[in-house]
Amino acid sequence: MAPDVPTVLDLQYPKLVAENFFGISAPAGVPQSVIDTMHRHMMTVLEDPRILKSFDELGIATRKMSPTEFQAFVQRQVNDWAPAVKASGAKLN
């Protein structure tokens, strides 16, 4: 999408990985049946050719995950980025 911008690999930062992601979360205590229903509907949406075409045009790659896989993914993101955020001194307003 940006052919004149070097990649992090081109700049010799092979370990630098920053992913933007979208997902649906629910507060603790939501019944598993509700989570299962939401997940089933999201998987249906992510199989719709019109949605996939729109995502592709926007440069969005999809990755289907189970609720457990997504929870682990988010936890890894928190673990990976927490030290950098803390070191930066960033604060919430």
PDB file of N, CA and C in Angstrom:
ATOM      1  N   MET A   1       0.811  -1.205   0.000  1.00  0.00           N
ATOM      2  CA  MET A   1       0.000   0.000   0.000  1.00  0.00           C
ATOM      3  C   MET A   1       0.852   1.267   0.000  1.00  0.00           C
ATOM      4  N   ALA A   2       2.106   1.137   0.410  1.00  0.00           N
ATOM      5  CA  ALA A   2       3.008   2.291   0.422  1.00  0.00           C
ATOM      6  C   ALA A   2       4.356   1.831  -0.124  1.00  0.00           C
ATOM      7  N   PRO A   3       4.448   1.669  -1.449  1.00  0.00           N
ATOM      8  CA  PRO A   3       5.647   1.054  -2.038  1.00  0.00           C
ATOM      9  C   PRO A   3       6.941   1.824  -1.819  1.00  0.00           C
ATOM     10  N   ASP A   4       6.880   3.131  -1.566  1.00  0.00           N
ATOM     11  CA  ASP A   4       8.094   3.927  -1.384  1.00  0.00           C
ATOM     12  C   ASP A   4       8.530   4.025   0.074  1.00  0.00           C
ATOM     13  N   VAL A   5       7.775   3.389   0.967  1.00  0.00           N
ATOM     14  CA  VAL A   5       8.116   3.414   2.392  1.00  0.00           C
ATOM     15  C   VAL A   5       8.821   2.108   2.731  1.00  0.00           C
ATOM     16  N   PRO A   6      10.025   2.198   3.279  1.00  0.00           N
ATOM     17  CA  PRO A   6      10.743   0.966   3.603  1.00  0.00           C
ATOM     18  C   PRO A   6      10.054   0.204   4.734  1.00  0.00           C
ATOM     19  N   THR A   7      10.165  -1.110   4.677  1.00  0.00           N
ATOM     20  CA  THR A   7       9.609  -1.935   5.745  1.00  0.00           C
ATOM     21  C   THR A   7      10.566  -1.935   6.928  1.00  0.00           C
ATOM     22  N   VAL A   8      10.097  -2.429   8.070  1.00  0.00           N
ATOM     23  CA  VAL A   8      10.984  -2.524   9.229  1.00  0.00           C
ATOM     24  C   VAL A   8      12.123  -3.500   8.945  1.00  0.00           C
ATOM     25  N   LEU A   9      11.859  -4.503   8.110  1.00  0.00           N
ATOM     26  CA  LEU A   9      12.946  -5.418   7.719  1.00  0.00           C
ATOM     27  C   LEU A   9      13.977  -4.690   6.869  1.00  0.00           C
ATOM     28  N   ASP A  10      13.509  -3.826   5.951  1.00  0.00           N
ATOM     29  CA  ASP A  10      14.436  -3.033   5.141  1.00  0.00           C
ATOM     30  C   ASP A  10      15.313  -2.151   6.025  1.00  0.00           C
ATOM     31  N   LEU A  11      14.757  -1.678   7.112  1.00  0.00           N
ATOM     32  CA  LEU A  11      15.482  -0.802   8.031  1.00  0.00           C
ATOM     33  C   LEU A  11      16.273  -1.585   9.077  1.00  0.00           C
ATOM     34  N   GLN A  12      16.268  -2.902   8.939  1.00  0.00           N
ATOM     35  CA  GLN A  12      17.021  -3.817   9.790  1.00  0.00           C
ATOM     36  C   GLN A  12      16.542  -3.833  11.241  1.00  0.00           C
ATOM     37  N   TYR A  13      15.212  -3.848  11.402  1.00  0.00           N
ATOM     38  CA  TYR A  13      14.589  -4.022  12.712  1.00  0.00           C
ATOM     39  C   TYR A  13      13.698  -5.271  12.661  1.00  0.00           C
ATOM     40  N   PRO A  14      14.293  -6.461  12.525  1.00  0.00           N
ATOM     41  CA  PRO A  14      13.481  -7.663  12.311  1.00  0.00           C
ATOM     42  C   PRO A  14      12.586  -8.045  13.482  1.00  0.00           C
ATOM     43  N   LYS A  15      12.892  -7.565  14.668  1.00  0.00           N
ATOM     44  CA  LYS A  15      12.083  -7.942  15.825  1.00  0.00           C
ATOM     45  C   LYS A  15      10.970  -6.947  16.123  1.00  0.00           C
ATOM     46  N   LEU A  16      10.924  -5.852  15.385  1.00  0.00           N
ATOM     47  CA  LEU A  16       9.892  -4.853  15.623  1.00  0.00           C
ATOM     48  C   LEU A  16       8.598  -5.298  14.954  1.00  0.00           C
ATOM     49  N   VAL A  17       7.602  -5.567  15.758  1.00  0.00           N
ATOM     50  CA  VAL A  17       6.301  -5.981  15.239  1.00  0.00           C
ATOM     51  C   VAL A  17       5.242  -5.143  15.942  1.00  0.00           C
ATOM     52  N   ALA A  18       4.466  -4.441  15.173  1.00  0.00           N
ATOM     53  CA  ALA A  18       3.351  -3.663  15.720  1.00  0.00           C
ATOM     54  C   ALA A  18       2.133  -3.987  14.872  1.00  0.00           C
ATOM     55  N   GLU A  19       1.133  -4.547  15.498  1.00  0.00           N
ATOM     56  CA  GLU A  19      -0.069  -4.931  14.786  1.00  0.00           C
ATOM     57  C   GLU A  19      -1.244  -4.108  15.283  1.00  0.00           C
ATOM     58  N   ASN A  20      -2.008  -3.599  14.354  1.00  0.00           N
ATOM     59  CA  ASN A  20      -3.303  -3.044  14.706  1.00  0.00           C
ATOM     60  C   ASN A  20      -4.286  -4.188  14.616  1.00  0.00           C
ATOM     61  N   PHE A  21      -5.250  -4.206  15.495  1.00  0.00           N
ATOM     62  CA  PHE A  21      -6.222  -5.285  15.410  1.00  0.00           C
ATOM     63  C   PHE A  21      -7.588  -4.803  15.877  1.00  0.00           C
ATOM     64  N   PHE A  22      -8.576  -5.478  15.357  1.00  0.00           N
ATOM     65  CA  PHE A  22      -9.954  -5.249  15.757  1.00  0.00           C
ATOM     66  C   PHE A  22     -10.473  -6.551  16.346  1.00  0.00           C
ATOM     67  N   GLY A  23     -11.252  -6.443  17.353  1.00  0.00           N
ATOM     68  CA  GLY A  23     -11.864  -7.625  17.943  1.00  0.00           C
ATOM     69  C   GLY A  23     -13.043  -7.192  18.791  1.00  0.00           C
ATOM     70  N   ILE A  24     -13.793  -8.148  19.200  1.00  0.00           N
ATOM     71  CA  ILE A  24     -14.933  -7.885  20.069  1.00  0.00           C
ATOM     72  C   ILE A  24     -14.617  -8.472  21.429  1.00  0.00           C
ATOM     73  N   SER A  25     -14.822  -7.668  22.435  1.00  0.00           N
ATOM     74  CA  SER A  25     -14.597  -8.103  23.816  1.00  0.00           C
ATOM     75  C   SER A  25     -15.883  -7.937  24.604  1.00  0.00           C
ATOM     76  N   ALA A  26     -15.949  -8.647  25.692  1.00  0.00           N
ATOM     77  CA  ALA A  26     -17.103  -8.549  26.578  1.00  0.00           C
ATOM     78  C   ALA A  26     -16.582  -8.492  28.008  1.00  0.00           C
ATOM     79  N   PRO A  27     -17.360  -7.900  28.891  1.00  0.00           N
ATOM     80  CA  PRO A  27     -16.917  -7.850  30.284  1.00  0.00           C
ATOM     81  C   PRO A  27     -16.911  -9.241  30.928  1.00  0.00           C
ATOM     82  N   ALA A  28     -16.126  -9.376  31.969  1.00  0.00           N
ATOM     83  CA  ALA A  28     -16.092 -10.637  32.709  1.00  0.00           C
ATOM     84  C   ALA A  28     -17.503 -10.995  33.164  1.00  0.00           C
ATOM     85  N   GLY A  29     -17.787 -12.263  33.156  1.00  0.00           N
ATOM     86  CA  GLY A  29     -19.079 -12.729  33.651  1.00  0.00           C
ATOM     87  C   GLY A  29     -20.150 -12.902  32.596  1.00  0.00           C
ATOM     88  N   VAL A  30     -19.858 -12.515  31.353  1.00  0.00           N
ATOM     89  CA  VAL A  30     -20.837 -12.727  30.282  1.00  0.00           C
ATOM     90  C   VAL A  30     -20.973 -14.236  30.091  1.00  0.00           C
ATOM     91  N   PRO A  31     -22.188 -14.733  30.027  1.00  0.00           N
ATOM     92  CA  PRO A  31     -22.374 -16.178  29.870  1.00  0.00           C
ATOM     93  C   PRO A  31     -21.697 -16.721  28.617  1.00  0.00           C
ATOM     94  N   GLN A  32     -21.133 -17.918  28.728  1.00  0.00           N
ATOM     95  CA  GLN A  32     -20.447 -18.547  27.602  1.00  0.00           C
ATOM     96  C   GLN A  32     -21.366 -18.686  26.398  1.00  0.00           C
ATOM     97  N   SER A  33     -22.650 -18.906  26.628  1.00  0.00           N
ATOM     98  CA  SER A  33     -23.585 -19.043  25.500  1.00  0.00           C
ATOM     99  C   SER A  33     -23.653 -17.755  24.682  1.00  0.00           C
ATOM    100  N   VAL A  34     -23.558 -16.613  25.335  1.00  0.00           N
ATOM    101  CA  VAL A  34     -23.568 -15.325  24.630  1.00  0.00           C
ATOM    102  C   VAL A  34     -22.273 -15.164  23.839  1.00  0.00           C
ATOM    103  N   ILE A  35     -21.154 -15.506  24.459  1.00  0.00           N
ATOM    104  CA  ILE A  35     -19.859 -15.429  23.771  1.00  0.00           C
ATOM    105  C   ILE A  35     -19.861 -16.348  22.552  1.00  0.00           C
ATOM    106  N   ASP A  36     -20.369 -17.552  22.719  1.00  0.00           N
ATOM    107  CA  ASP A  36     -20.421 -18.498  21.595  1.00  0.00           C
ATOM    108  C   ASP A  36     -21.283 -17.971  20.462  1.00  0.00           C
ATOM    109  N   THR A  37     -22.418 -17.355  20.797  1.00  0.00           N
ATOM    110  CA  THR A  37     -23.311 -16.792  19.771  1.00  0.00           C
ATOM    111  C   THR A  37     -22.631 -15.643  19.041  1.00  0.00           C
ATOM    112  N   MET A  38     -21.995 -14.747  19.784  1.00  0.00           N
ATOM    113  CA  MET A  38     -21.286 -13.624  19.163  1.00  0.00           C
ATOM    114  C   MET A  38     -20.183 -14.147  18.238  1.00  0.00           C
ATOM    115  N   HIS A  39     -19.436 -15.124  18.707  1.00  0.00           N
ATOM    116  CA  HIS A  39     -18.343 -15.673  17.910  1.00  0.00           C
ATOM    117  C   HIS A  39     -18.875 -16.311  16.627  1.00  0.00           C
ATOM    118  N   ARG A  40     -19.932 -17.084  16.746  1.00  0.00           N
ATOM    119  CA  ARG A  40     -20.511 -17.731  15.562  1.00  0.00           C
ATOM    120  C   ARG A  40     -20.923 -16.690  14.521  1.00  0.00           C
ATOM    121  N   HIS A  41     -21.553 -15.604  14.975  1.00  0.00           N
ATOM    122  CA  HIS A  41     -21.977 -14.548  14.045  1.00  0.00           C
ATOM    123  C   HIS A  41     -20.776 -13.821  13.437  1.00  0.00           C
ATOM    124  N   MET A  42     -19.741 -13.588  14.231  1.00  0.00           N
ATOM    125  CA  MET A  42     -18.548 -12.932  13.688  1.00  0.00           C
ATOM    126  C   MET A  42     -17.878 -13.811  12.632  1.00  0.00           C
ATOM    127  N   MET A  43     -17.842 -15.105  12.847  1.00  0.00           N
ATOM    128  CA  MET A  43     -17.236 -16.003  11.859  1.00  0.00           C
ATOM    129  C   MET A  43     -18.040 -15.973  10.556  1.00  0.00           C
ATOM    130  N   THR A  44     -19.361 -15.847  10.669  1.00  0.00           N
ATOM    131  CA  THR A  44     -20.210 -15.728   9.473  1.00  0.00           C
ATOM    132  C   THR A  44     -19.875 -14.444   8.723  1.00  0.00           C
ATOM    133  N   VAL A  45     -19.730 -13.356   9.455  1.00  0.00           N
ATOM    134  CA  VAL A  45     -19.386 -12.073   8.824  1.00  0.00           C
ATOM    135  C   VAL A  45     -18.038 -12.179   8.115  1.00  0.00           C
ATOM    136  N   LEU A  46     -17.081 -12.835   8.753  1.00  0.00           N
ATOM    137  CA  LEU A  46     -15.733 -12.933   8.185  1.00  0.00           C
ATOM    138  C   LEU A  46     -15.636 -13.926   7.032  1.00  0.00           C
ATOM    139  N   GLU A  47     -16.738 -14.537   6.669  1.00  0.00           N
ATOM    140  CA  GLU A  47     -16.783 -15.401   5.491  1.00  0.00           C
ATOM    141  C   GLU A  47     -17.547 -14.745   4.345  1.00  0.00           C
ATOM    142  N   ASP A  48     -18.118 -13.575   4.590  1.00  0.00           N
ATOM    143  CA  ASP A  48     -18.910 -12.876   3.568  1.00  0.00           C
ATOM    144  C   ASP A  48     -17.968 -12.281   2.527  1.00  0.00           C
ATOM    145  N   PRO A  49     -18.100 -12.688   1.255  1.00  0.00           N
ATOM    146  CA  PRO A  49     -17.199 -12.188   0.216  1.00  0.00           C
ATOM    147  C   PRO A  49     -17.211 -10.664   0.085  1.00  0.00           C
ATOM    148  N   ARG A  50     -18.345 -10.027   0.340  1.00  0.00           N
ATOM    149  CA  ARG A  50     -18.402  -8.559   0.243  1.00  0.00           C
ATOM    150  C   ARG A  50     -17.563  -7.919   1.343  1.00  0.00           C
ATOM    151  N   ILE A  51     -17.644  -8.472   2.526  1.00  0.00           N
ATOM    152  CA  ILE A  51     -16.848  -7.953   3.648  1.00  0.00           C
ATOM    153  C   ILE A  51     -15.361  -8.173   3.364  1.00  0.00           C
ATOM    154  N   LEU A  52     -15.027  -9.384   2.927  1.00  0.00           N
ATOM    155  CA  LEU A  52     -13.625  -9.689   2.638  1.00  0.00           C
ATOM    156  C   LEU A  52     -13.075  -8.796   1.538  1.00  0.00           C
ATOM    157  N   LYS A  53     -13.883  -8.510   0.533  1.00  0.00           N
ATOM    158  CA  LYS A  53     -13.450  -7.617  -0.546  1.00  0.00           C
ATOM    159  C   LYS A  53     -13.194  -6.211   0.000  1.00  0.00           C
ATOM    160  N   SER A  54     -14.098  -5.728   0.832  1.00  0.00           N
ATOM    161  CA  SER A  54     -13.921  -4.397   1.434  1.00  0.00           C
ATOM    162  C   SER A  54     -12.658  -4.348   2.287  1.00  0.00           C
ATOM    163  N   PHE A  55     -12.451  -5.376   3.090  1.00  0.00           N
ATOM    164  CA  PHE A  55     -11.250  -5.433   3.916  1.00  0.00           C
ATOM    165  C   PHE A  55     -10.003  -5.438   3.046  1.00  0.00           C
ATOM    166  N   ASP A  56     -10.027  -6.249   1.992  1.00  0.00           N
ATOM    167  CA  ASP A  56      -8.878  -6.328   1.094  1.00  0.00           C
ATOM    168  C   ASP A  56      -8.563  -4.970   0.474  1.00  0.00           C
ATOM    169  N   GLU A  57      -9.591  -4.246   0.072  1.00  0.00           N
ATOM    170  CA  GLU A  57      -9.392  -2.913  -0.517  1.00  0.00           C
ATOM    171  C   GLU A  57      -8.790  -1.932   0.487  1.00  0.00           C
ATOM    172  N   LEU A  58      -9.048  -2.165   1.761  1.00  0.00           N
ATOM    173  CA  LEU A  58      -8.507  -1.305   2.816  1.00  0.00           C
ATOM    174  C   LEU A  58      -7.158  -1.807   3.342  1.00  0.00           C
ATOM    175  N   GLY A  59      -6.688  -2.927   2.806  1.00  0.00           N
ATOM    176  CA  GLY A  59      -5.424  -3.490   3.264  1.00  0.00           C
ATOM    177  C   GLY A  59      -5.538  -4.209   4.595  1.00  0.00           C
ATOM    178  N   ILE A  60      -6.734  -4.677   4.922  1.00  0.00           N
ATOM    179  CA  ILE A  60      -6.968  -5.368   6.191  1.00  0.00           C
ATOM    180  C   ILE A  60      -6.931  -6.869   5.962  1.00  0.00           C
ATOM    181  N   ALA A  61      -6.056  -7.541   6.673  1.00  0.00           N
ATOM    182  CA  ALA A  61      -5.984  -8.999   6.621  1.00  0.00           C
ATOM    183  C   ALA A  61      -6.772  -9.551   7.802  1.00  0.00           C
ATOM    184  N   THR A  62      -7.557 -10.568   7.551  1.00  0.00           N
ATOM    185  CA  THR A  62      -8.332 -11.163   8.630  1.00  0.00           C
ATOM    186  C   THR A  62      -7.599 -12.373   9.197  1.00  0.00           C
ATOM    187  N   ARG A  63      -7.830 -12.595  10.455  1.00  0.00           N
ATOM    188  CA  ARG A  63      -7.289 -13.770  11.135  1.00  0.00           C
ATOM    189  C   ARG A  63      -8.384 -14.259  12.077  1.00  0.00           C
ATOM    190  N   LYS A  64      -8.970 -15.372  11.745  1.00  0.00           N
ATOM    191  CA  LYS A  64     -10.038 -15.918  12.578  1.00  0.00           C
ATOM    192  C   LYS A  64      -9.428 -16.575  13.809  1.00  0.00           C
ATOM    193  N   MET A  65     -10.002 -16.254  14.966  1.00  0.00           N
ATOM    194  CA  MET A  65      -9.528 -16.823  16.225  1.00  0.00           C
ATOM    195  C   MET A  65     -10.733 -17.238  17.050  1.00  0.00           C
ATOM    196  N   SER A  66     -10.536 -18.233  17.866  1.00  0.00           N
ATOM    197  CA  SER A  66     -11.552 -18.590  18.848  1.00  0.00           C
ATOM    198  C   SER A  66     -11.514 -17.526  19.950  1.00  0.00           C
ATOM    199  N   PRO A  67     -12.546 -17.459  20.777  1.00  0.00           N
ATOM    200  CA  PRO A  67     -12.498 -16.513  21.893  1.00  0.00           C
ATOM    201  C   PRO A  67     -11.263 -16.722  22.780  1.00  0.00           C
ATOM    202  N   THR A  68     -10.895 -17.952  23.011  1.00  0.00           N
ATOM    203  CA  THR A  68      -9.717 -18.243  23.843  1.00  0.00           C
ATOM    204  C   THR A  68      -8.438 -17.769  23.161  1.00  0.00           C
ATOM    205  N   GLU A  69      -8.333 -18.009  21.854  1.00  0.00           N
ATOM    206  CA  GLU A  69      -7.151 -17.556  21.104  1.00  0.00           C
ATOM    207  C   GLU A  69      -7.062 -16.033  21.106  1.00  0.00           C
ATOM    208  N   PHE A  70      -8.198 -15.352  20.936  1.00  0.00           N
ATOM    209  CA  PHE A  70      -8.179 -13.892  20.926  1.00  0.00           C
ATOM    210  C   PHE A  70      -7.784 -13.350  22.294  1.00  0.00           C
ATOM    211  N   GLN A  71      -8.300 -13.948  23.350  1.00  0.00           N
ATOM    212  CA  GLN A  71      -7.932 -13.516  24.700  1.00  0.00           C
ATOM    213  C   GLN A  71      -6.424 -13.661  24.912  1.00  0.00           C
ATOM    214  N   ALA A  72      -5.854 -14.772  24.466  1.00  0.00           N
ATOM    215  CA  ALA A  72      -4.404 -14.977  24.602  1.00  0.00           C
ATOM    216  C   ALA A  72      -3.629 -13.981  23.742  1.00  0.00           C
ATOM    217  N   PHE A  73      -4.122 -13.687  22.540  1.00  0.00           N
ATOM    218  CA  PHE A  73      -3.485 -12.710  21.658  1.00  0.00           C
ATOM    219  C   PHE A  73      -3.434 -11.341  22.329  1.00  0.00           C
ATOM    220  N   VAL A  74      -4.565 -10.907  22.884  1.00  0.00           N
ATOM    221  CA  VAL A  74      -4.620  -9.601  23.549  1.00  0.00           C
ATOM    222  C   VAL A  74      -3.673  -9.583  24.745  1.00  0.00           C
ATOM    223  N   GLN A  75      -3.631 -10.662  25.509  1.00  0.00           N
ATOM    224  CA  GLN A  75      -2.733 -10.716  26.655  1.00  0.00           C
ATOM    225  C   GLN A  75      -1.276 -10.613  26.217  1.00  0.00           C
ATOM    226  N   ARG A  76      -0.929 -11.266  25.101  1.00  0.00           N
ATOM    227  CA  ARG A  76       0.447 -11.152  24.579  1.00  0.00           C
ATOM    228  C   ARG A  76       0.753  -9.709  24.183  1.00  0.00           C
ATOM    229  N   GLN A  77      -0.210  -9.034  23.559  1.00  0.00           N
ATOM    230  CA  GLN A  77      -0.010  -7.637  23.180  1.00  0.00           C
ATOM    231  C   GLN A  77       0.246  -6.783  24.419  1.00  0.00           C
ATOM    232  N   VAL A  78      -0.549  -6.996  25.451  1.00  0.00           N
ATOM    233  CA  VAL A  78      -0.357  -6.245  26.703  1.00  0.00           C
ATOM    234  C   VAL A  78       1.031  -6.525  27.269  1.00  0.00           C
ATOM    235  N   ASN A  79       1.402  -7.794  27.328  1.00  0.00           N
ATOM    236  CA  ASN A  79       2.717  -8.160  27.874  1.00  0.00           C
ATOM    237  C   ASN A  79       3.863  -7.579  27.048  1.00  0.00           C
ATOM    238  N   ASP A  80       3.710  -7.601  25.723  1.00  0.00           N
ATOM    239  CA  ASP A  80       4.778  -7.110  24.845  1.00  0.00           C
ATOM    240  C   ASP A  80       4.938  -5.594  24.915  1.00  0.00           C
ATOM    241  N   TRP A  81       3.831  -4.885  25.013  1.00  0.00           N
ATOM    242  CA  TRP A  81       3.875  -3.422  24.928  1.00  0.00           C
ATOM    243  C   TRP A  81       3.924  -2.716  26.281  1.00  0.00           C
ATOM    244  N   ALA A  82       3.573  -3.380  27.359  1.00  0.00           N
ATOM    245  CA  ALA A  82       3.553  -2.719  28.677  1.00  0.00           C
ATOM    246  C   ALA A  82       4.896  -2.095  29.046  1.00  0.00           C
ATOM    247  N   PRO A  83       6.021  -2.777  28.865  1.00  0.00           N
ATOM    248  CA  PRO A  83       7.297  -2.147  29.244  1.00  0.00           C
ATOM    249  C   PRO A  83       7.577  -0.861  28.458  1.00  0.00           C
ATOM    250  N   ALA A  84       7.299  -0.864  27.163  1.00  0.00           N
ATOM    251  CA  ALA A  84       7.554   0.338  26.353  1.00  0.00           C
ATOM    252  C   ALA A  84       6.627   1.476  26.759  1.00  0.00           C
ATOM    253  N   VAL A  85       5.372   1.156  27.033  1.00  0.00           N
ATOM    254  CA  VAL A  85       4.423   2.197  27.448  1.00  0.00           C
ATOM    255  C   VAL A  85       4.851   2.770  28.798  1.00  0.00           C
ATOM    256  N   LYS A  86       5.205   1.911  29.735  1.00  0.00           N
ATOM    257  CA  LYS A  86       5.652   2.376  31.050  1.00  0.00           C
ATOM    258  C   LYS A  86       6.912   3.229  30.929  1.00  0.00           C
ATOM    259  N   ALA A  87       7.867   2.770  30.117  1.00  0.00           N
ATOM    260  CA  ALA A  87       9.124   3.511  29.949  1.00  0.00           C
ATOM    261  C   ALA A  87       8.908   4.858  29.283  1.00  0.00           C
ATOM    262  N   SER A  88       7.867   4.965  28.468  1.00  0.00           N
ATOM    263  CA  SER A  88       7.608   6.223  27.767  1.00  0.00           C
ATOM    264  C   SER A  88       7.055   7.306  28.681  1.00  0.00           C
ATOM    265  N   GLY A  89       6.498   6.884  29.813  1.00  0.00           N
ATOM    266  CA  GLY A  89       5.876   7.853  30.713  1.00  0.00           C
ATOM    267  C   GLY A  89       4.484   8.282  30.265  1.00  0.00           C
ATOM    268  N   ALA A  90       3.943   7.633  29.265  1.00  0.00           N
ATOM    269  CA  ALA A  90       2.607   7.989  28.758  1.00  0.00           C
ATOM    270  C   ALA A  90       1.571   7.833  29.876  1.00  0.00           C
ATOM    271  N   LYS A  91       0.636   8.746  29.904  1.00  0.00           N
ATOM    272  CA  LYS A  91      -0.436   8.731  30.916  1.00  0.00           C
ATOM    273  C   LYS A  91      -1.786   8.887  30.223  1.00  0.00           C
ATOM    274  N   LEU A  92      -2.808   8.283  30.790  1.00  0.00           N
ATOM    275  CA  LEU A  92      -4.166   8.468  30.310  1.00  0.00           C
ATOM    276  C   LEU A  92      -4.692   9.797  30.833  1.00  0.00           C
ATOM    277  N   ASN A  93      -5.445  10.485  30.013  1.00  0.00           N
ATOM    278  CA  ASN A  93      -6.051  11.744  30.476  1.00  0.00           C
ATOM    279  C   ASN A  93      -7.311  11.443  31.245  1.00  0.00           C
TER     280      ASN A  93
END
